[in-house]
Amino acid sequence: MPFTDTPWPNGSPCWADIAVPDLPRALDFYGAVIGWSFVDTGEDYGHFTICQTEGRAAAGIGPVMQEGQPSFWTLYLATDDVDATSKLVTEGGGSVLAGPMDIPDTGRMAVCADATGGVFGLWQAAGQVGIEVFNQPGSLVWEDARLTDVARGREFYRGLFSYRYAEVPGMALAEYGTFGLGEEPLGGMGGTMGSPEGTPSHWLLYFGVGSVDASVAAASERGGTVMMAAQDTPFGRMAVLTDPFGAPFAVHQELAEADEG
């Protein structure tokens, strides 16, 4: 199983979290949909809860800080110097929304918006490397930056981490391609891809599951909605859902697993 206990390389997706208005309901939802177990970090940390797979950190869920705050998944990119990368964010036309700030005994972070308005985080590991489990059911397996201005977004992110962009067979690079630090892609970057008119730039996170169809059913039973029905693609079986608080995310299943299931 893919596990890690070392800090992620600069520019790597390394953490994901969400703030919700009803923490117990969120834990019930994501436990059923993705299969996570949970560890409450306690009152000192606002009951921020670590989502785990096989005892390893996979993501985080916490309560919203103020009433009416929207819920959405935030993807964090690894950096060995949050302050320096935050400076590059503003120099590249983005903005720093929160931080940089220390999380005691854990790391240093910032929350930013890219030059097209898409929100993302930066994470400098200390006691917590971020994601400890990856590329398997119950973990982050892919992420897409869905941007209102693809060219500007690519220029912005390349200014932070020197990403390389590559084509996906059958798709124009101007519409969608991968980003990475070497030959292996880290995720995708492209347009808003059929989202309703006016949808702002955002990151869509894909979590691996044992059965997409079972996850869709569990989400529907617990107040989630289906934005894209389960379907087979050249990259696996997937669906796009929202949780009970309106936060979108995707679930993904390897085709071999889908065929067996």
C-alpha atoms as a PDB file:
ATOM      1  CA  MET A   1       0.000   0.000   0.000  1.00  0.00           C
ATOM      2  CA  PRO A   2       1.314   3.520  -0.797  1.00  0.00           C
ATOM      3  CA  PHE A   3       2.227   5.216   2.497  1.00  0.00           C
ATOM      4  CA  THR A   4       4.712   7.968   3.349  1.00  0.00           C
ATOM      5  CA  ASP A   5       6.125   9.557   6.486  1.00  0.00           C
ATOM      6  CA  THR A   6       8.487  12.007   4.783  1.00  0.00           C
ATOM      7  CA  PRO A   7       7.681  15.556   3.617  1.00  0.00           C
ATOM      8  CA  TRP A   8       6.359  15.871   0.095  1.00  0.00           C
ATOM      9  CA  PRO A   9       8.494  17.523  -2.605  1.00  0.00           C
ATOM     10  CA  ASN A  10       7.830  21.195  -3.345  1.00  0.00           C
ATOM     11  CA  GLY A  11       4.766  21.599  -5.525  1.00  0.00           C
ATOM     12  CA  SER A  12       3.273  18.201  -4.718  1.00  0.00           C
ATOM     13  CA  PRO A  13      -0.354  17.988  -3.607  1.00  0.00           C
ATOM     14  CA  CYS A  14       0.152  17.094   0.040  1.00  0.00           C
ATOM     15  CA  TRP A  15      -3.038  17.729   2.037  1.00  0.00           C
ATOM     16  CA  ALA A  16      -6.770  18.336   1.721  1.00  0.00           C
ATOM     17  CA  ASP A  17      -9.264  19.643   4.220  1.00  0.00           C
ATOM     18  CA  ILE A  18     -12.736  21.107   4.539  1.00  0.00           C
ATOM     19  CA  ALA A  19     -14.657  23.201   7.085  1.00  0.00           C
ATOM     20  CA  VAL A  20     -18.306  22.263   7.641  1.00  0.00           C
ATOM     21  CA  PRO A  21     -21.221  23.674   9.670  1.00  0.00           C
ATOM     22  CA  ASP A  22     -22.173  20.255  11.143  1.00  0.00           C
ATOM     23  CA  LEU A  23     -19.129  18.161  12.022  1.00  0.00           C
ATOM     24  CA  PRO A  24     -20.938  14.983  13.205  1.00  0.00           C
ATOM     25  CA  ARG A  25     -23.027  14.912  10.032  1.00  0.00           C
ATOM     26  CA  ALA A  26     -19.915  15.378   7.895  1.00  0.00           C
ATOM     27  CA  LEU A  27     -18.139  12.517   9.640  1.00  0.00           C
ATOM     28  CA  ASP A  28     -21.122  10.239   9.128  1.00  0.00           C
ATOM     29  CA  PHE A  29     -21.282  11.231   5.446  1.00  0.00           C
ATOM     30  CA  TYR A  30     -17.606  10.867   4.572  1.00  0.00           C
ATOM     31  CA  GLY A  31     -17.157   7.770   6.693  1.00  0.00           C
ATOM     32  CA  ALA A  32     -19.852   6.039   4.641  1.00  0.00           C
ATOM     33  CA  VAL A  33     -18.897   7.488   1.244  1.00  0.00           C
ATOM     34  CA  ILE A  34     -15.098   7.196   1.365  1.00  0.00           C
ATOM     35  CA  GLY A  35     -14.600   4.705   4.194  1.00  0.00           C
ATOM     36  CA  TRP A  36     -12.582   6.896   6.535  1.00  0.00           C
ATOM     37  CA  SER A  37     -12.150   6.503  10.270  1.00  0.00           C
ATOM     38  CA  PHE A  38     -11.609   9.618  12.345  1.00  0.00           C
ATOM     39  CA  VAL A  39      -9.397  11.048  15.089  1.00  0.00           C
ATOM     40  CA  ASP A  40     -10.476  14.211  16.941  1.00  0.00           C
ATOM     41  CA  THR A  41      -7.436  16.413  17.651  1.00  0.00           C
ATOM     42  CA  GLY A  42      -9.239  17.911  20.651  1.00  0.00           C
ATOM     43  CA  GLU A  43     -10.545  21.195  21.968  1.00  0.00           C
ATOM     44  CA  ASP A  44      -7.198  22.996  21.713  1.00  0.00           C
ATOM     45  CA  TYR A  45      -7.341  22.511  17.929  1.00  0.00           C
ATOM     46  CA  GLY A  46     -11.054  23.309  17.581  1.00  0.00           C
ATOM     47  CA  HIS A  47     -11.929  19.617  17.242  1.00  0.00           C
ATOM     48  CA  PHE A  48     -10.277  19.497  13.837  1.00  0.00           C
ATOM     49  CA  THR A  49     -10.632  15.857  12.840  1.00  0.00           C
ATOM     50  CA  ILE A  50      -8.092  13.744  10.960  1.00  0.00           C
ATOM     51  CA  CYS A  51      -9.586  11.381   8.385  1.00  0.00           C
ATOM     52  CA  GLN A  52      -7.660   8.128   8.337  1.00  0.00           C
ATOM     53  CA  THR A  53      -7.216   5.074   6.139  1.00  0.00           C
ATOM     54  CA  GLU A  54      -5.514   2.120   7.791  1.00  0.00           C
ATOM     55  CA  GLY A  55      -4.443   4.410  10.608  1.00  0.00           C
ATOM     56  CA  ARG A  56      -2.730   6.926   8.298  1.00  0.00           C
ATOM     57  CA  ALA A  57      -3.770  10.550   7.722  1.00  0.00           C
ATOM     58  CA  ALA A  58      -5.718  11.039   4.485  1.00  0.00           C
ATOM     59  CA  ALA A  59      -7.466  14.431   4.924  1.00  0.00           C
ATOM     60  CA  GLY A  60      -8.977  16.736   7.523  1.00  0.00           C
ATOM     61  CA  ILE A  61     -12.469  17.945   8.457  1.00  0.00           C
ATOM     62  CA  GLY A  62     -13.139  20.771  10.879  1.00  0.00           C
ATOM     63  CA  PRO A  63     -15.955  23.091  11.942  1.00  0.00           C
ATOM     64  CA  VAL A  64     -16.517  26.401  10.154  1.00  0.00           C
ATOM     65  CA  MET A  65     -15.132  29.454  11.914  1.00  0.00           C
ATOM     66  CA  GLN A  66     -18.196  31.625  11.335  1.00  0.00           C
ATOM     67  CA  GLU A  67     -21.847  31.130  10.473  1.00  0.00           C
ATOM     68  CA  GLY A  68     -22.576  31.187   6.743  1.00  0.00           C
ATOM     69  CA  GLN A  69     -19.016  30.270   5.743  1.00  0.00           C
ATOM     70  CA  PRO A  70     -19.159  28.177   2.549  1.00  0.00           C
ATOM     71  CA  SER A  71     -17.863  24.614   2.611  1.00  0.00           C
ATOM     72  CA  PHE A  72     -15.410  23.441  -0.030  1.00  0.00           C
ATOM     73  CA  TRP A  73     -12.401  21.161  -0.196  1.00  0.00           C
ATOM     74  CA  THR A  74      -9.036  22.944  -0.136  1.00  0.00           C
ATOM     75  CA  LEU A  75      -6.008  21.329  -1.757  1.00  0.00           C
ATOM     76  CA  TYR A  76      -2.606  22.147  -0.241  1.00  0.00           C
ATOM     77  CA  LEU A  77       0.647  22.193  -2.199  1.00  0.00           C
ATOM     78  CA  ALA A  78       3.903  21.363  -0.435  1.00  0.00           C
ATOM     79  CA  THR A  79       6.611  23.971   0.021  1.00  0.00           C
ATOM     80  CA  ASP A  80       9.715  24.115   2.171  1.00  0.00           C
ATOM     81  CA  ASP A  81       9.200  27.865   2.683  1.00  0.00           C
ATOM     82  CA  VAL A  82       5.603  29.064   2.988  1.00  0.00           C
ATOM     83  CA  ASP A  83       6.649  32.678   3.363  1.00  0.00           C
ATOM     84  CA  ALA A  84       8.732  32.722   0.193  1.00  0.00           C
ATOM     85  CA  THR A  85       6.055  30.919  -1.812  1.00  0.00           C
ATOM     86  CA  SER A  86       3.387  33.289  -0.485  1.00  0.00           C
ATOM     87  CA  LYS A  87       5.454  36.164  -1.830  1.00  0.00           C
ATOM     88  CA  LEU A  88       5.517  34.462  -5.244  1.00  0.00           C
ATOM     89  CA  VAL A  89       1.725  34.146  -5.052  1.00  0.00           C
ATOM     90  CA  THR A  90       1.264  37.901  -4.822  1.00  0.00           C
ATOM     91  CA  GLU A  91       3.984  38.614  -7.380  1.00  0.00           C
ATOM     92  CA  GLY A  92       2.181  36.298  -9.810  1.00  0.00           C
ATOM     93  CA  GLY A  93      -1.154  38.071  -9.502  1.00  0.00           C
ATOM     94  CA  GLY A  94      -2.708  35.923  -6.788  1.00  0.00           C
ATOM     95  CA  SER A  95      -3.543  36.829  -3.214  1.00  0.00           C
ATOM     96  CA  VAL A  96      -2.855  35.458   0.250  1.00  0.00           C
ATOM     97  CA  LEU A  97      -6.170  34.994   2.047  1.00  0.00           C
ATOM     98  CA  ALA A  98      -4.889  33.684   5.379  1.00  0.00           C
ATOM     99  CA  GLY A  99      -1.447  33.361   6.912  1.00  0.00           C
ATOM    100  CA  PRO A 100       1.280  32.439   6.684  1.00  0.00           C
ATOM    101  CA  MET A 101       0.693  31.002  10.148  1.00  0.00           C
ATOM    102  CA  ASP A 102       2.140  28.295  12.367  1.00  0.00           C
ATOM    103  CA  ILE A 103       0.118  25.273  13.440  1.00  0.00           C
ATOM    104  CA  PRO A 104       1.888  24.280  16.673  1.00  0.00           C
ATOM    105  CA  ASP A 105       3.928  21.060  16.451  1.00  0.00           C
ATOM    106  CA  THR A 106       2.501  20.422  12.991  1.00  0.00           C
ATOM    107  CA  GLY A 107       3.639  22.854  10.287  1.00  0.00           C
ATOM    108  CA  ARG A 108       3.234  26.277   8.729  1.00  0.00           C
ATOM    109  CA  MET A 109       0.481  27.122   6.271  1.00  0.00           C
ATOM    110  CA  ALA A 110      -1.199  29.745   4.138  1.00  0.00           C
ATOM    111  CA  VAL A 111      -4.431  29.838   2.162  1.00  0.00           C
ATOM    112  CA  CYS A 112      -4.220  31.633  -1.178  1.00  0.00           C
ATOM    113  CA  ALA A 113      -6.114  32.438  -4.348  1.00  0.00           C
ATOM    114  CA  ASP A 114      -4.436  31.960  -7.705  1.00  0.00           C
ATOM    115  CA  ALA A 115      -4.419  34.585 -10.450  1.00  0.00           C
ATOM    116  CA  THR A 116      -7.801  33.340 -11.707  1.00  0.00           C
ATOM    117  CA  GLY A 117      -9.406  33.232  -8.244  1.00  0.00           C
ATOM    118  CA  GLY A 118      -9.056  29.525  -7.454  1.00  0.00           C
ATOM    119  CA  VAL A 119      -8.428  28.863  -3.750  1.00  0.00           C
ATOM    120  CA  PHE A 120      -5.612  26.560  -2.644  1.00  0.00           C
ATOM    121  CA  GLY A 121      -3.341  26.109   0.343  1.00  0.00           C
ATOM    122  CA  LEU A 122       0.383  25.936   1.012  1.00  0.00           C
ATOM    123  CA  TRP A 123       1.843  23.542   3.562  1.00  0.00           C
ATOM    124  CA  GLN A 124       5.325  23.533   5.080  1.00  0.00           C
ATOM    125  CA  ALA A 125       5.676  20.289   6.995  1.00  0.00           C
ATOM    126  CA  ALA A 126       7.038  20.085  10.517  1.00  0.00           C
ATOM    127  CA  GLY A 127       5.463  17.485  12.811  1.00  0.00           C
ATOM    128  CA  GLN A 128       2.888  16.499  10.188  1.00  0.00           C
ATOM    129  CA  VAL A 129       3.984  15.727   6.616  1.00  0.00           C
ATOM    130  CA  GLY A 130       0.411  16.046   5.356  1.00  0.00           C
ATOM    131  CA  ILE A 131      -1.136  13.112   3.549  1.00  0.00           C
ATOM    132  CA  GLU A 132       0.361   9.822   4.734  1.00  0.00           C
ATOM    133  CA  VAL A 133      -1.636   7.529   2.448  1.00  0.00           C
ATOM    134  CA  PHE A 134      -2.146   8.039  -1.282  1.00  0.00           C
ATOM    135  CA  ASN A 135      -3.212   6.458  -4.572  1.00  0.00           C
ATOM    136  CA  GLN A 136      -5.481   3.850  -3.019  1.00  0.00           C
ATOM    137  CA  PRO A 137      -9.085   3.608  -1.795  1.00  0.00           C
ATOM    138  CA  GLY A 138      -9.617   6.019   1.069  1.00  0.00           C
ATOM    139  CA  SER A 139      -7.044   8.536  -0.168  1.00  0.00           C
ATOM    140  CA  LEU A 140      -6.531  11.425  -2.530  1.00  0.00           C
ATOM    141  CA  VAL A 141      -5.809   9.950  -5.973  1.00  0.00           C
ATOM    142  CA  TRP A 142      -6.078  12.935  -8.353  1.00  0.00           C
ATOM    143  CA  GLU A 143      -6.874  16.644  -8.457  1.00  0.00           C
ATOM    144  CA  ASP A 144      -7.958  19.026 -11.194  1.00  0.00           C
ATOM    145  CA  ALA A 145      -7.489  22.774 -11.288  1.00  0.00           C
ATOM    146  CA  ARG A 146     -10.570  23.937 -13.180  1.00  0.00           C
ATOM    147  CA  LEU A 147      -9.807  27.467 -14.260  1.00  0.00           C
ATOM    148  CA  THR A 148     -11.667  30.317 -15.923  1.00  0.00           C
ATOM    149  CA  ASP A 149      -8.441  31.319 -17.702  1.00  0.00           C
ATOM    150  CA  VAL A 150      -6.275  28.269 -18.348  1.00  0.00           C
ATOM    151  CA  ALA A 151      -3.267  30.104 -19.822  1.00  0.00           C
ATOM    152  CA  ARG A 152      -3.112  32.584 -16.951  1.00  0.00           C
ATOM    153  CA  GLY A 153      -3.550  29.839 -14.385  1.00  0.00           C
ATOM    154  CA  ARG A 154      -0.726  27.747 -15.836  1.00  0.00           C
ATOM    155  CA  GLU A 155       1.581  30.748 -15.908  1.00  0.00           C
ATOM    156  CA  PHE A 156       0.747  31.464 -12.259  1.00  0.00           C
ATOM    157  CA  TYR A 157       1.383  27.940 -10.966  1.00  0.00           C
ATOM    158  CA  ARG A 158       4.536  27.551 -13.027  1.00  0.00           C
ATOM    159  CA  GLY A 159       5.802  30.701 -11.316  1.00  0.00           C
ATOM    160  CA  LEU A 160       5.413  28.969  -7.954  1.00  0.00           C
ATOM    161  CA  PHE A 161       6.768  25.504  -8.674  1.00  0.00           C
ATOM    162  CA  SER A 162       8.207  25.276 -12.220  1.00  0.00           C
ATOM    163  CA  TYR A 163       5.544  22.802 -13.267  1.00  0.00           C
ATOM    164  CA  ARG A 164       5.746  20.996 -16.586  1.00  0.00           C
ATOM    165  CA  TYR A 165       2.503  20.731 -18.568  1.00  0.00           C
ATOM    166  CA  ALA A 166       1.676  17.815 -20.839  1.00  0.00           C
ATOM    167  CA  GLU A 167      -1.117  16.813 -23.179  1.00  0.00           C
ATOM    168  CA  VAL A 168      -3.742  14.193 -22.427  1.00  0.00           C
ATOM    169  CA  PRO A 169      -4.398  11.991 -25.494  1.00  0.00           C
ATOM    170  CA  GLY A 170      -7.524  13.079 -27.308  1.00  0.00           C
ATOM    171  CA  MET A 171      -7.717  16.501 -25.650  1.00  0.00           C
ATOM    172  CA  ALA A 172      -6.314  19.868 -26.723  1.00  0.00           C
ATOM    173  CA  LEU A 173      -3.699  21.172 -24.288  1.00  0.00           C
ATOM    174  CA  ALA A 174      -5.441  24.561 -24.345  1.00  0.00           C
ATOM    175  CA  GLU A 175      -8.501  22.858 -22.825  1.00  0.00           C
ATOM    176  CA  TYR A 176      -6.974  20.320 -20.431  1.00  0.00           C
ATOM    177  CA  GLY A 177      -3.607  18.770 -19.646  1.00  0.00           C
ATOM    178  CA  THR A 178      -1.565  17.428 -16.776  1.00  0.00           C
ATOM    179  CA  PHE A 179       0.880  19.220 -14.515  1.00  0.00           C
ATOM    180  CA  GLY A 180       3.901  17.717 -12.834  1.00  0.00           C
ATOM    181  CA  LEU A 181       7.442  18.186 -11.620  1.00  0.00           C
ATOM    182  CA  GLY A 182       8.929  15.437 -13.769  1.00  0.00           C
ATOM    183  CA  GLU A 183       7.642  12.750 -16.084  1.00  0.00           C
ATOM    184  CA  GLU A 184       4.859  11.556 -13.759  1.00  0.00           C
ATOM    185  CA  PRO A 185       1.783  13.809 -13.630  1.00  0.00           C
ATOM    186  CA  LEU A 186       0.606  15.156 -10.297  1.00  0.00           C
ATOM    187  CA  GLY A 187      -2.849  16.217 -11.476  1.00  0.00           C
ATOM    188  CA  GLY A 188      -4.762  18.003 -14.190  1.00  0.00           C
ATOM    189  CA  MET A 189      -5.253  21.628 -15.140  1.00  0.00           C
ATOM    190  CA  GLY A 190      -7.797  22.952 -17.603  1.00  0.00           C
ATOM    191  CA  GLY A 191     -11.034  24.833 -18.111  1.00  0.00           C
ATOM    192  CA  THR A 192     -14.189  24.605 -16.031  1.00  0.00           C
ATOM    193  CA  MET A 193     -15.254  21.614 -18.158  1.00  0.00           C
ATOM    194  CA  GLY A 194     -19.011  21.867 -18.492  1.00  0.00           C
ATOM    195  CA  SER A 195     -19.667  23.574 -15.174  1.00  0.00           C
ATOM    196  CA  PRO A 196     -22.618  25.987 -15.068  1.00  0.00           C
ATOM    197  CA  GLU A 197     -21.949  29.429 -16.521  1.00  0.00           C
ATOM    198  CA  GLY A 198     -20.337  31.694 -13.961  1.00  0.00           C
ATOM    199  CA  THR A 199     -18.620  28.891 -12.039  1.00  0.00           C
ATOM    200  CA  PRO A 200     -15.430  30.346 -10.539  1.00  0.00           C
ATOM    201  CA  SER A 201     -12.003  28.741 -10.727  1.00  0.00           C
ATOM    202  CA  HIS A 202     -11.634  25.891  -8.256  1.00  0.00           C
ATOM    203  CA  TRP A 203      -9.786  22.668  -7.487  1.00  0.00           C
ATOM    204  CA  LEU A 204     -11.753  19.420  -7.768  1.00  0.00           C
ATOM    205  CA  LEU A 205     -10.385  16.622  -5.585  1.00  0.00           C
ATOM    206  CA  TYR A 206     -10.737  12.934  -6.455  1.00  0.00           C
ATOM    207  CA  PHE A 207     -10.801  10.382  -3.634  1.00  0.00           C
ATOM    208  CA  GLY A 208     -10.265   6.701  -4.262  1.00  0.00           C
ATOM    209  CA  VAL A 209     -13.024   4.307  -3.195  1.00  0.00           C
ATOM    210  CA  GLY A 210     -13.587   0.579  -3.390  1.00  0.00           C
ATOM    211  CA  SER A 211     -16.850   0.990  -5.307  1.00  0.00           C
ATOM    212  CA  VAL A 212     -17.997   4.207  -6.990  1.00  0.00           C
ATOM    213  CA  ASP A 213     -21.555   2.913  -7.212  1.00  0.00           C
ATOM    214  CA  ALA A 214     -21.693   2.114  -3.505  1.00  0.00           C
ATOM    215  CA  SER A 215     -20.247   5.547  -2.690  1.00  0.00           C
ATOM    216  CA  VAL A 216     -22.844   7.285  -4.874  1.00  0.00           C
ATOM    217  CA  ALA A 217     -25.618   5.369  -3.111  1.00  0.00           C
ATOM    218  CA  ALA A 218     -24.198   6.184   0.336  1.00  0.00           C
ATOM    219  CA  ALA A 219     -23.922   9.878  -0.581  1.00  0.00           C
ATOM    220  CA  SER A 220     -27.502  10.020  -1.858  1.00  0.00           C
ATOM    221  CA  GLU A 221     -28.787   8.354   1.305  1.00  0.00           C
ATOM    222  CA  ARG A 222     -27.027  10.931   3.492  1.00  0.00           C
ATOM    223  CA  GLY A 223     -28.041  14.184   1.833  1.00  0.00           C
ATOM    224  CA  GLY A 224     -25.419  14.436  -0.886  1.00  0.00           C
ATOM    225  CA  THR A 225     -26.208  15.084  -4.530  1.00  0.00           C
ATOM    226  CA  VAL A 226     -24.874  13.615  -7.765  1.00  0.00           C
ATOM    227  CA  MET A 227     -23.371  16.212 -10.108  1.00  0.00           C
ATOM    228  CA  MET A 228     -22.021  13.631 -12.584  1.00  0.00           C
ATOM    229  CA  ALA A 229     -23.412  10.110 -12.564  1.00  0.00           C
ATOM    230  CA  ALA A 230     -21.025   7.182 -12.226  1.00  0.00           C
ATOM    231  CA  GLN A 231     -19.391   6.359 -15.523  1.00  0.00           C
ATOM    232  CA  ASP A 232     -16.456   4.461 -16.920  1.00  0.00           C
ATOM    233  CA  THR A 233     -13.682   6.529 -18.498  1.00  0.00           C
ATOM    234  CA  PRO A 234     -10.245   5.668 -19.905  1.00  0.00           C
ATOM    235  CA  PHE A 235      -8.899   6.674 -16.485  1.00  0.00           C
ATOM    236  CA  GLY A 236     -11.244   4.632 -14.287  1.00  0.00           C
ATOM    237  CA  ARG A 237     -14.813   4.703 -13.056  1.00  0.00           C
ATOM    238  CA  MET A 238     -15.770   7.988 -11.444  1.00  0.00           C
ATOM    239  CA  ALA A 239     -18.586  10.235 -10.287  1.00  0.00           C
ATOM    240  CA  VAL A 240     -18.796  13.823  -9.063  1.00  0.00           C
ATOM    241  CA  LEU A 241     -20.794  14.447  -5.891  1.00  0.00           C
ATOM    242  CA  THR A 242     -21.561  17.169  -3.412  1.00  0.00           C
ATOM    243  CA  ASP A 243     -21.742  16.619   0.320  1.00  0.00           C
ATOM    244  CA  PRO A 244     -24.752  17.777   2.389  1.00  0.00           C
ATOM    245  CA  PHE A 245     -23.185  21.247   2.648  1.00  0.00           C
ATOM    246  CA  GLY A 246     -22.735  21.728  -1.106  1.00  0.00           C
ATOM    247  CA  ALA A 247     -19.004  20.980  -1.346  1.00  0.00           C
ATOM    248  CA  PRO A 248     -18.142  19.182  -4.594  1.00  0.00           C
ATOM    249  CA  PHE A 249     -15.678  16.310  -4.831  1.00  0.00           C
ATOM    250  CA  ALA A 250     -15.162  13.255  -7.012  1.00  0.00           C
ATOM    251  CA  VAL A 251     -14.831   9.561  -6.275  1.00  0.00           C
ATOM    252  CA  HIS A 252     -12.661   7.263  -8.372  1.00  0.00           C
ATOM    253  CA  GLN A 253     -12.286   3.519  -8.775  1.00  0.00           C
ATOM    254  CA  GLU A 254      -9.678   1.685 -10.797  1.00  0.00           C
ATOM    255  CA  LEU A 255     -11.287  -0.061 -13.767  1.00  0.00           C
ATOM    256  CA  ALA A 256      -9.886  -3.445 -12.749  1.00  0.00           C
ATOM    257  CA  GLU A 257     -11.654  -3.022  -9.393  1.00  0.00           C
ATOM    258  CA  ALA A 258     -14.828  -1.896 -11.139  1.00  0.00           C
ATOM    259  CA  ASP A 259     -14.758  -4.932 -13.444  1.00  0.00           C
ATOM    260  CA  GLU A 260     -14.340  -7.262 -10.483  1.00  0.00           C
ATOM    261  CA  GLY A 261     -17.104  -5.505  -8.534  1.00  0.00           C
END
